[in-house]
Protein backbone atom coordinates (compact mmCIF):
# COMPACT_ATOMS: atom_id res chain seq x y z
CA UNK A 1 6.21 13.95 -11.17
CA UNK A 2 7.41 11.58 -8.37
CA UNK A 3 11.10 12.86 -8.84
CA UNK A 4 10.06 16.22 -8.44
CA UNK A 5 8.30 15.54 -5.31
CA UNK A 6 11.00 13.67 -3.64
CA UNK A 7 13.40 16.41 -4.78
CA UNK A 8 11.31 18.90 -3.16
CA UNK A 9 10.91 17.12 0.12
CA UNK A 10 14.49 16.67 0.40
CA UNK A 11 15.25 20.26 0.65
CA UNK A 12 13.19 20.66 3.74
CA UNK A 13 15.63 20.12 6.44
CA UNK A 14 14.69 16.99 9.09
CA UNK A 15 14.69 19.51 11.76
CA UNK A 16 11.81 21.60 10.27
CA UNK A 17 9.86 18.39 10.51
CA UNK A 18 10.72 17.67 13.91
CA UNK A 19 9.31 20.86 14.85
CA UNK A 20 5.71 20.09 13.17
CA UNK A 21 3.02 19.88 15.86
CA UNK A 22 0.37 19.29 13.45
CA UNK A 23 0.28 18.27 9.61
CA UNK A 24 -2.37 19.20 7.84
CA UNK A 25 -3.74 18.33 4.33
CA UNK A 26 -4.86 21.44 2.21
CA UNK A 27 -8.57 21.22 1.70
CA UNK A 28 -9.60 19.02 4.70
CA UNK A 29 -10.75 19.42 8.38
CA UNK A 30 -8.30 18.77 11.01
CA UNK A 31 -4.70 17.14 10.98
CA UNK A 32 -2.24 14.63 12.38
CA UNK A 33 0.14 15.01 15.33
CA UNK A 34 2.30 11.83 14.42
CA UNK A 35 4.64 10.99 11.57
CA UNK A 36 6.71 7.98 10.86
CA UNK A 37 8.62 7.63 7.77
CA UNK A 38 10.13 4.45 7.04
CA UNK A 39 12.93 4.29 4.51
CA UNK A 40 13.81 0.88 2.81
CA UNK A 41 16.46 2.50 0.15
CA UNK A 42 19.33 1.33 2.20
CA UNK A 43 18.55 -2.23 2.34
CA UNK A 44 20.82 -4.67 1.33
CA UNK A 45 20.00 -8.50 0.36
CA UNK A 46 22.22 -9.48 3.46
CA UNK A 47 20.11 -7.35 5.96
CA UNK A 48 17.47 -8.99 8.24
CA UNK A 49 14.23 -7.48 6.87
CA UNK A 50 12.26 -9.03 9.93
CA UNK A 51 14.27 -7.34 12.26
CA UNK A 52 14.46 -4.10 10.37
CA UNK A 53 10.47 -4.14 10.06
CA UNK A 54 9.92 -5.10 13.69
CA UNK A 55 12.33 -1.95 14.91
CA UNK A 56 10.30 0.14 12.54
CA UNK A 57 6.91 -0.60 13.78
CA UNK A 58 5.85 -3.19 11.41
CA UNK A 59 5.27 -7.23 11.41
CA UNK A 60 5.31 -9.74 8.78
CA UNK A 61 2.45 -12.29 8.36
CA UNK A 62 2.31 -15.99 8.21
CA UNK A 63 -1.03 -17.59 7.94
CA UNK A 64 -2.98 -19.61 5.21
CA UNK A 65 -6.23 -18.46 3.27
CA UNK A 66 -8.93 -20.60 2.14
CA UNK A 67 -9.52 -19.16 -1.22
CA UNK A 68 -10.71 -20.38 -4.50
CA UNK A 69 -9.93 -22.00 -7.03
CA UNK A 70 -6.52 -22.11 -5.41
CA UNK A 71 -5.69 -21.58 -1.58
CA UNK A 72 -2.99 -19.25 -0.79
CA UNK A 73 -0.55 -18.53 1.87
CA UNK A 74 1.40 -15.74 3.40
CA UNK A 75 4.75 -16.59 4.66
CA UNK A 76 7.42 -14.55 6.43
CA UNK A 77 10.37 -16.33 4.02
CA UNK A 78 8.97 -14.04 1.09
CA UNK A 79 9.74 -10.80 2.99
CA UNK A 80 13.05 -9.59 2.28
CA UNK A 81 15.53 -6.73 1.02
CA UNK A 82 16.54 -6.50 -2.48
CA UNK A 83 18.75 -3.58 -3.24
CA UNK A 84 17.54 -0.48 -2.24
CA UNK A 85 13.74 -1.93 -1.66
CA UNK A 86 11.73 -3.92 0.43
CA UNK A 87 10.67 -7.08 -1.71
CA UNK A 88 7.72 -8.74 -1.33
CA UNK A 89 7.49 -12.40 -3.24
CA UNK A 90 4.67 -14.36 -4.47
CA UNK A 91 6.62 -17.80 -5.52
CA UNK A 92 5.97 -19.43 -8.97
CA UNK A 93 3.11 -21.76 -8.23
CA UNK A 94 4.30 -25.46 -8.75
CA UNK A 95 1.01 -26.88 -9.39
CA UNK A 96 -0.08 -28.14 -6.16
CA UNK A 97 -0.64 -27.07 -2.74
CA UNK A 98 -1.23 -23.14 -1.71
CA UNK A 99 0.24 -20.08 -3.60
CA UNK A 100 2.76 -18.74 -1.58
CA UNK A 101 2.77 -14.92 -1.15
CA UNK A 102 3.81 -11.98 1.34
CA UNK A 103 2.21 -9.51 3.80
CA UNK A 104 3.48 -6.92 6.17
CA UNK A 105 1.44 -4.69 8.37
CA UNK A 106 1.72 -1.97 10.92
CA UNK A 107 2.08 -3.08 14.85
CA UNK A 108 -0.02 0.18 15.67
CA UNK A 109 -3.64 0.50 15.16
CA UNK A 110 -4.83 3.80 14.06
CA UNK A 111 -8.15 5.90 13.37
CA UNK A 112 -7.81 8.06 10.13
CA UNK A 113 -4.37 8.98 8.55
CA UNK A 114 -2.34 9.57 5.47
CA UNK A 115 -0.26 6.80 4.09
CA UNK A 116 2.18 7.14 1.42
CA UNK A 117 3.79 4.22 -0.23
CA UNK A 118 6.60 4.50 -2.81
CA UNK A 119 6.51 1.25 -4.69
CA UNK A 120 7.42 -0.63 -8.14
CA UNK A 121 5.20 -3.04 -9.46
CA UNK A 122 5.79 -6.70 -10.39
CA UNK A 123 6.20 -7.32 -14.14
CA UNK A 124 4.94 -10.94 -13.57
CA UNK A 125 0.98 -11.44 -14.49
CA UNK A 126 -1.39 -13.28 -11.92
CA UNK A 127 -0.69 -11.28 -8.91
CA UNK A 128 -2.83 -9.00 -6.57
CA UNK A 129 -0.69 -6.14 -5.02
CA UNK A 130 -2.45 -4.57 -1.93
CA UNK A 131 -2.07 -1.47 0.07
CA UNK A 132 -4.84 -1.15 2.32
CA UNK A 133 -6.50 -0.39 5.76
CA UNK A 134 -8.33 -3.43 7.06
CA UNK A 135 -10.46 -3.95 10.32
CA UNK A 136 -13.30 -6.24 8.80
CA UNK A 137 -14.91 -6.51 5.38
CA UNK A 138 -16.90 -3.55 6.03
CA UNK A 139 -14.08 -1.37 7.56
CA UNK A 140 -11.83 -1.50 4.56
CA UNK A 141 -10.12 1.12 2.57
CA UNK A 142 -7.86 -0.23 -0.59
CA UNK A 143 -5.69 0.58 -3.24
CA UNK A 144 -5.35 -2.54 -5.33
CA UNK A 145 -3.26 -3.31 -8.58
CA UNK A 146 -3.60 -6.63 -10.39
CA UNK A 147 -0.57 -7.25 -12.49
CA UNK A 148 -2.72 -9.10 -15.24
CA UNK A 149 -4.87 -6.05 -15.93
CA UNK A 150 -2.81 -2.92 -15.41
CA UNK A 151 -3.51 -1.70 -19.11
CA UNK A 152 -5.85 -4.60 -20.44
CA UNK A 153 -8.67 -6.52 -18.95
CA UNK A 154 -9.00 -10.07 -18.54
CA UNK A 155 -12.09 -12.51 -19.32
CA UNK A 156 -14.14 -9.23 -20.00
CA UNK A 157 -14.41 -9.10 -15.97
CA UNK A 158 -11.82 -7.11 -14.89
CA UNK A 159 -11.24 -3.72 -16.33
CA UNK A 160 -7.79 -2.33 -16.62
CA UNK A 161 -6.20 0.30 -14.09
CA UNK A 162 -5.81 0.15 -10.26
CA UNK A 163 -8.70 -0.30 -7.72
CA UNK A 164 -9.69 1.99 -5.22
CA UNK A 165 -12.41 1.31 -2.93
CA UNK A 166 -14.10 1.71 0.46
CA UNK A 167 -15.58 -1.67 1.30
CA UNK A 168 -18.26 -3.04 1.13
CA UNK A 169 -19.53 -1.14 -2.14
CA UNK A 170 -17.92 1.90 -2.95
CA UNK A 171 -15.09 1.53 -5.43
CA UNK A 172 -13.65 2.64 -8.92
CA UNK A 173 -10.94 1.83 -11.32
CA UNK A 174 -8.52 4.26 -12.64
CA UNK A 175 -6.52 3.98 -15.67
CA UNK A 176 -2.72 4.30 -15.05
CA UNK A 177 -1.17 7.56 -16.17
CA UNK A 178 2.17 5.33 -16.09
CA UNK A 179 3.48 2.02 -15.95
CA UNK A 180 3.70 0.88 -12.35
CA UNK A 181 6.33 -1.85 -13.09
CA UNK A 182 8.92 0.13 -14.71
CA UNK A 183 9.75 2.77 -12.06
CA UNK A 184 9.00 3.65 -8.62
CA UNK A 185 5.63 5.96 -8.12
CA UNK A 186 3.84 7.12 -4.91
CA UNK A 187 0.41 5.72 -3.68
CA UNK A 188 -1.27 7.75 -1.34
CA UNK A 189 -4.53 7.36 0.66
CA UNK A 190 -5.73 10.33 3.09
CA UNK A 191 -8.44 9.00 5.39
CA UNK A 192 -10.35 11.53 7.22
CA UNK A 193 -13.52 11.34 8.99
CA UNK A 194 -16.45 11.04 6.41
CA UNK A 195 -13.93 11.05 3.60
CA UNK A 196 -11.23 9.13 2.06
CA UNK A 197 -8.93 10.28 -0.89
CA UNK A 198 -6.56 8.53 -3.30
CA UNK A 199 -3.48 10.00 -5.20
CA UNK A 200 -1.11 8.60 -7.89
CA UNK A 201 2.19 10.56 -7.71
CA UNK A 202 0.59 13.49 -5.83
CA UNK A 203 -2.32 13.51 -8.06
CA UNK A 204 -5.80 13.38 -6.75
CA UNK A 205 -7.73 10.32 -8.66
CA UNK A 206 -10.40 9.41 -6.34
CA UNK A 207 -12.85 10.80 -3.60
CA UNK A 208 -15.25 8.77 -1.69
CA UNK A 209 -17.43 10.07 1.21
CA UNK A 210 -19.38 6.52 1.56
CA UNK A 211 -18.68 3.18 3.24
CA UNK A 212 -15.83 5.20 4.98
CA UNK A 213 -14.30 3.24 8.01
CA UNK A 214 -14.71 4.82 11.72
CA UNK A 215 -12.73 2.50 13.73
CA UNK A 216 -9.05 1.94 14.02
CA UNK A 217 -7.17 -0.91 12.47
CA UNK A 218 -3.70 -1.61 11.11
CA UNK A 219 -2.48 -0.91 7.43
CA UNK A 220 -1.33 -3.67 5.42
CA UNK A 221 0.60 -4.26 2.42
CA UNK A 222 0.37 -7.56 0.67
CA UNK A 223 1.05 -9.79 -2.82
CA UNK A 224 -1.01 -12.85 -3.48
CA UNK A 225 -2.70 -14.87 -6.07
CA UNK A 226 -5.69 -17.50 -6.19
CA UNK A 227 -5.82 -18.19 -9.59
CA UNK A 228 -9.23 -16.36 -9.94
CA UNK A 229 -9.64 -15.43 -13.71
CA UNK A 230 -12.04 -12.61 -12.57
CA UNK A 231 -9.63 -11.04 -9.99
CA UNK A 232 -6.14 -12.12 -9.58
CA UNK A 233 -5.87 -14.07 -12.61
CA UNK A 234 -3.09 -16.37 -12.77
CA UNK A 235 -1.55 -18.12 -10.49
CA UNK A 236 2.07 -16.67 -11.62
CA UNK A 237 4.26 -18.96 -13.47
CA UNK A 238 7.36 -17.16 -12.43
CA UNK A 239 8.71 -15.71 -9.13
CA UNK A 240 7.13 -12.03 -8.70
CA UNK A 241 8.78 -9.30 -6.78
CA UNK A 242 7.12 -6.29 -5.74
CA UNK A 243 9.06 -3.39 -4.23
CA UNK A 244 8.58 -0.79 -1.79
CA UNK A 245 11.55 1.93 -1.22
CA UNK A 246 9.49 3.71 1.36
CA UNK A 247 6.07 4.00 3.51
CA UNK A 248 5.41 7.41 5.07
CA UNK A 249 2.54 7.44 7.67
CA UNK A 250 0.77 10.31 9.25
CA UNK A 251 -1.80 9.59 12.16
CA UNK A 252 -2.84 10.98 15.28
CA UNK A 253 -5.80 12.79 13.87
CA UNK A 254 -7.29 15.87 15.75
CA UNK A 255 -9.81 17.86 14.76
CA UNK A 256 -8.08 21.02 16.18
CA UNK A 257 -5.18 22.41 14.51
CA UNK A 258 -2.62 23.97 16.91
CA UNK A 259 1.21 24.53 17.44
CA UNK A 260 3.26 24.70 14.43
CA UNK A 261 1.55 23.43 11.21
CA UNK A 262 3.08 21.67 8.66
CA UNK A 263 1.31 21.33 5.16
CA UNK A 264 1.73 17.96 3.99
């Protein structure tokens, strides 16, 4: 389905998108006035990923997290280009010190949007792959993949599938209709006043109307592990690579649709 979606999008000339004044999602109220599409597919290992990210409105994190049972840390060294994708790395755990992971985020903070990430998951167990809006523990929207529980539960406390949630207490676990480790797939979250809608390869899989954030903040993508048997599992015994091929963001919410309207 993703290949079909991408093929159809390529049929829309750039000039047409440039003429759009309001982007609308069918069946929702209002629309968005801004679009930013970041394509990592032309990246090469020799390219400076941090400079590329900064030029396209993103930053890379560097800070420790006091997690249990193992602390963790984000470093800019673990954000690099592979061939045709941005790589986010979690280091194989050495047995001491923090687990070293990676995180990127948007420089701009926004209220409401549609964020569409084309990603391939790591095949290494013991890693959390997050794609989420975060302002606080009660103003958060998540799509999270746990590489140890893609198709099977661990310790009977983490069911298989991908996690969709509005924090602090609205969540669902959705069984995967595909193997996220073998190919790139689109993970999409639409965030409107009073509702969040989650999609896998363009198919709606969850819709929440409780705990919906109502403040502006950044969007984040990260990979990490803390060794928690009832969440991340792990830590990873081998280097883990999560690949992002593109990020498409619609923002600038307006309740009034006007001008040239494009459905997205």
